[in-house]
Amino acid sequence: MEGDTVTMQDIFSFRQNGTDGNGKIAGKFEPTGIHPKILDKIRDNGGYCRDDWFLAERR
């Protein structure tokens, strides 16, 4: 939150690497490196989230 405004950031982005034989887009979702603040609340309520799901790969 920034004052009364809800702010959001992407935690994953889609990296397209071409198309398959049927013309469908091929690619994968990659983490942006942003660690969501809500993870602790999700875990406290029984949800399962690993920290490494959100680590951006170094290139």
N, C-alpha and C. Protein backbone atom coordinates (compact mmCIF):
# COMPACT_ATOMS: atom_id res chain seq x y z
N MET A 1 0.85 -1.18 0.00
CA MET A 1 0.00 0.00 0.00
C MET A 1 0.90 1.25 0.00
N GLU A 2 0.48 2.18 -0.77
CA GLU A 2 1.09 3.50 -0.74
C GLU A 2 -0.05 4.48 -0.44
N GLY A 3 -0.18 4.80 0.83
CA GLY A 3 -1.32 5.61 1.25
C GLY A 3 -2.58 4.78 1.11
N ASP A 4 -3.54 5.28 0.34
CA ASP A 4 -4.78 4.56 0.09
C ASP A 4 -4.75 3.76 -1.21
N THR A 5 -3.58 3.71 -1.83
CA THR A 5 -3.45 3.05 -3.13
C THR A 5 -2.79 1.67 -2.98
N VAL A 6 -3.44 0.66 -3.55
CA VAL A 6 -2.87 -0.68 -3.57
C VAL A 6 -1.85 -0.74 -4.70
N THR A 7 -0.64 -1.16 -4.38
CA THR A 7 0.40 -1.29 -5.41
C THR A 7 0.69 -2.76 -5.63
N MET A 8 0.99 -3.10 -6.88
CA MET A 8 1.28 -4.49 -7.22
C MET A 8 2.49 -4.54 -8.14
N GLN A 9 3.20 -5.66 -8.08
CA GLN A 9 4.33 -5.91 -8.96
C GLN A 9 4.21 -7.35 -9.46
N ASP A 10 4.73 -7.59 -10.65
CA ASP A 10 4.75 -8.95 -11.18
C ASP A 10 5.74 -9.80 -10.38
N ILE A 11 5.33 -11.01 -10.00
CA ILE A 11 6.25 -11.92 -9.34
C ILE A 11 6.74 -12.99 -10.31
N PHE A 12 6.05 -13.12 -11.46
CA PHE A 12 6.47 -14.01 -12.54
C PHE A 12 6.28 -13.28 -13.86
N SER A 13 7.13 -13.60 -14.83
CA SER A 13 6.93 -13.10 -16.18
C SER A 13 7.02 -14.28 -17.13
N PHE A 14 6.36 -14.17 -18.28
CA PHE A 14 6.34 -15.25 -19.26
C PHE A 14 7.41 -14.99 -20.30
N ARG A 15 8.29 -15.95 -20.49
CA ARG A 15 9.34 -15.85 -21.50
C ARG A 15 8.99 -16.79 -22.65
N GLN A 16 8.63 -16.19 -23.78
CA GLN A 16 8.27 -16.98 -24.95
C GLN A 16 9.55 -17.44 -25.65
N ASN A 17 9.57 -18.72 -26.05
CA ASN A 17 10.75 -19.22 -26.75
C ASN A 17 10.39 -19.83 -28.10
N GLY A 18 9.25 -19.43 -28.65
CA GLY A 18 8.85 -19.90 -29.97
C GLY A 18 7.43 -20.42 -29.98
N THR A 19 7.16 -21.28 -30.96
CA THR A 19 5.85 -21.92 -31.06
C THR A 19 6.06 -23.41 -31.29
N ASP A 20 5.03 -24.20 -30.94
CA ASP A 20 5.13 -25.64 -31.16
C ASP A 20 4.63 -25.98 -32.57
N GLY A 21 4.57 -27.23 -32.91
CA GLY A 21 4.16 -27.67 -34.23
C GLY A 21 2.75 -27.30 -34.62
N ASN A 22 1.91 -26.99 -33.63
CA ASN A 22 0.52 -26.62 -33.89
C ASN A 22 0.31 -25.11 -33.88
N GLY A 23 1.39 -24.35 -33.80
CA GLY A 23 1.29 -22.90 -33.79
C GLY A 23 0.99 -22.30 -32.43
N LYS A 24 0.97 -23.12 -31.39
CA LYS A 24 0.74 -22.61 -30.04
C LYS A 24 2.04 -22.02 -29.48
N ILE A 25 1.89 -20.96 -28.72
CA ILE A 25 3.06 -20.32 -28.13
C ILE A 25 3.70 -21.25 -27.11
N ALA A 26 5.02 -21.34 -27.17
CA ALA A 26 5.78 -22.15 -26.22
C ALA A 26 6.62 -21.21 -25.36
N GLY A 27 6.79 -21.57 -24.12
CA GLY A 27 7.59 -20.75 -23.21
C GLY A 27 7.38 -21.20 -21.78
N LYS A 28 7.85 -20.37 -20.86
CA LYS A 28 7.71 -20.70 -19.45
C LYS A 28 7.60 -19.44 -18.61
N PHE A 29 7.00 -19.60 -17.45
CA PHE A 29 6.94 -18.52 -16.48
C PHE A 29 8.22 -18.55 -15.67
N GLU A 30 8.81 -17.37 -15.47
CA GLU A 30 10.03 -17.25 -14.69
C GLU A 30 9.82 -16.25 -13.57
N PRO A 31 10.39 -16.53 -12.39
CA PRO A 31 10.26 -15.59 -11.28
C PRO A 31 11.02 -14.30 -11.55
N THR A 32 10.50 -13.18 -11.06
CA THR A 32 11.16 -11.89 -11.25
C THR A 32 12.15 -11.59 -10.12
N GLY A 33 12.10 -12.38 -9.07
CA GLY A 33 12.98 -12.14 -7.93
C GLY A 33 12.30 -11.39 -6.79
N ILE A 34 11.06 -10.98 -7.01
CA ILE A 34 10.30 -10.29 -5.96
C ILE A 34 9.68 -11.34 -5.04
N HIS A 35 9.90 -11.19 -3.75
CA HIS A 35 9.39 -12.12 -2.74
C HIS A 35 8.10 -11.53 -2.17
N PRO A 36 6.93 -12.12 -2.47
CA PRO A 36 5.66 -11.55 -2.02
C PRO A 36 5.57 -11.45 -0.50
N LYS A 37 5.08 -10.32 -0.03
CA LYS A 37 4.94 -10.10 1.41
C LYS A 37 3.88 -11.00 2.03
N ILE A 38 2.95 -11.50 1.23
CA ILE A 38 1.84 -12.30 1.76
C ILE A 38 2.23 -13.76 2.04
N LEU A 39 3.44 -14.17 1.66
CA LEU A 39 3.83 -15.57 1.84
C LEU A 39 3.71 -16.04 3.28
N ASP A 40 4.13 -15.22 4.22
CA ASP A 40 4.04 -15.63 5.63
C ASP A 40 2.59 -15.87 6.04
N LYS A 41 1.69 -15.03 5.58
CA LYS A 41 0.28 -15.20 5.90
C LYS A 41 -0.27 -16.48 5.27
N ILE A 42 0.14 -16.75 4.03
CA ILE A 42 -0.28 -18.00 3.37
C ILE A 42 0.20 -19.20 4.17
N ARG A 43 1.45 -19.16 4.58
CA ARG A 43 2.01 -20.28 5.37
C ARG A 43 1.33 -20.42 6.72
N ASP A 44 1.06 -19.30 7.37
CA ASP A 44 0.39 -19.33 8.67
C ASP A 44 -1.00 -19.96 8.58
N ASN A 45 -1.60 -19.90 7.39
CA ASN A 45 -2.93 -20.47 7.18
C ASN A 45 -2.88 -21.84 6.52
N GLY A 46 -1.70 -22.48 6.55
CA GLY A 46 -1.58 -23.84 6.07
C GLY A 46 -1.18 -24.00 4.61
N GLY A 47 -0.94 -22.90 3.93
CA GLY A 47 -0.53 -22.98 2.53
C GLY A 47 0.94 -23.37 2.40
N TYR A 48 1.28 -23.95 1.28
CA TYR A 48 2.66 -24.39 1.02
C TYR A 48 3.28 -23.52 -0.06
N CYS A 49 4.35 -22.82 0.28
CA CYS A 49 5.09 -22.00 -0.68
C CYS A 49 6.57 -22.10 -0.33
N ARG A 50 7.36 -22.40 -1.33
CA ARG A 50 8.81 -22.47 -1.12
C ARG A 50 9.43 -21.14 -1.54
N ASP A 51 10.42 -20.71 -0.80
CA ASP A 51 11.10 -19.45 -1.12
C ASP A 51 11.80 -19.51 -2.48
N ASP A 52 12.34 -20.68 -2.84
CA ASP A 52 13.09 -20.77 -4.10
C ASP A 52 12.19 -20.64 -5.33
N TRP A 53 10.88 -20.73 -5.19
CA TRP A 53 9.97 -20.50 -6.31
C TRP A 53 10.09 -19.07 -6.83
N PHE A 54 10.55 -18.16 -6.00
CA PHE A 54 10.55 -16.74 -6.33
C PHE A 54 11.95 -16.18 -6.61
N LEU A 55 12.96 -17.04 -6.64
CA LEU A 55 14.32 -16.59 -6.93
C LEU A 55 14.52 -16.46 -8.42
N ALA A 56 14.99 -15.30 -8.84
CA ALA A 56 15.27 -15.08 -10.26
C ALA A 56 16.59 -15.76 -10.61
N GLU A 57 16.62 -16.38 -11.78
CA GLU A 57 17.86 -17.01 -12.24
C GLU A 57 18.82 -15.94 -12.68
N ARG A 58 20.08 -16.14 -12.40
CA ARG A 58 21.10 -15.19 -12.86
C ARG A 58 21.50 -15.57 -14.27
N ARG A 59 21.63 -14.59 -15.10
CA ARG A 59 22.02 -14.84 -16.51
C ARG A 59 23.37 -14.28 -16.78
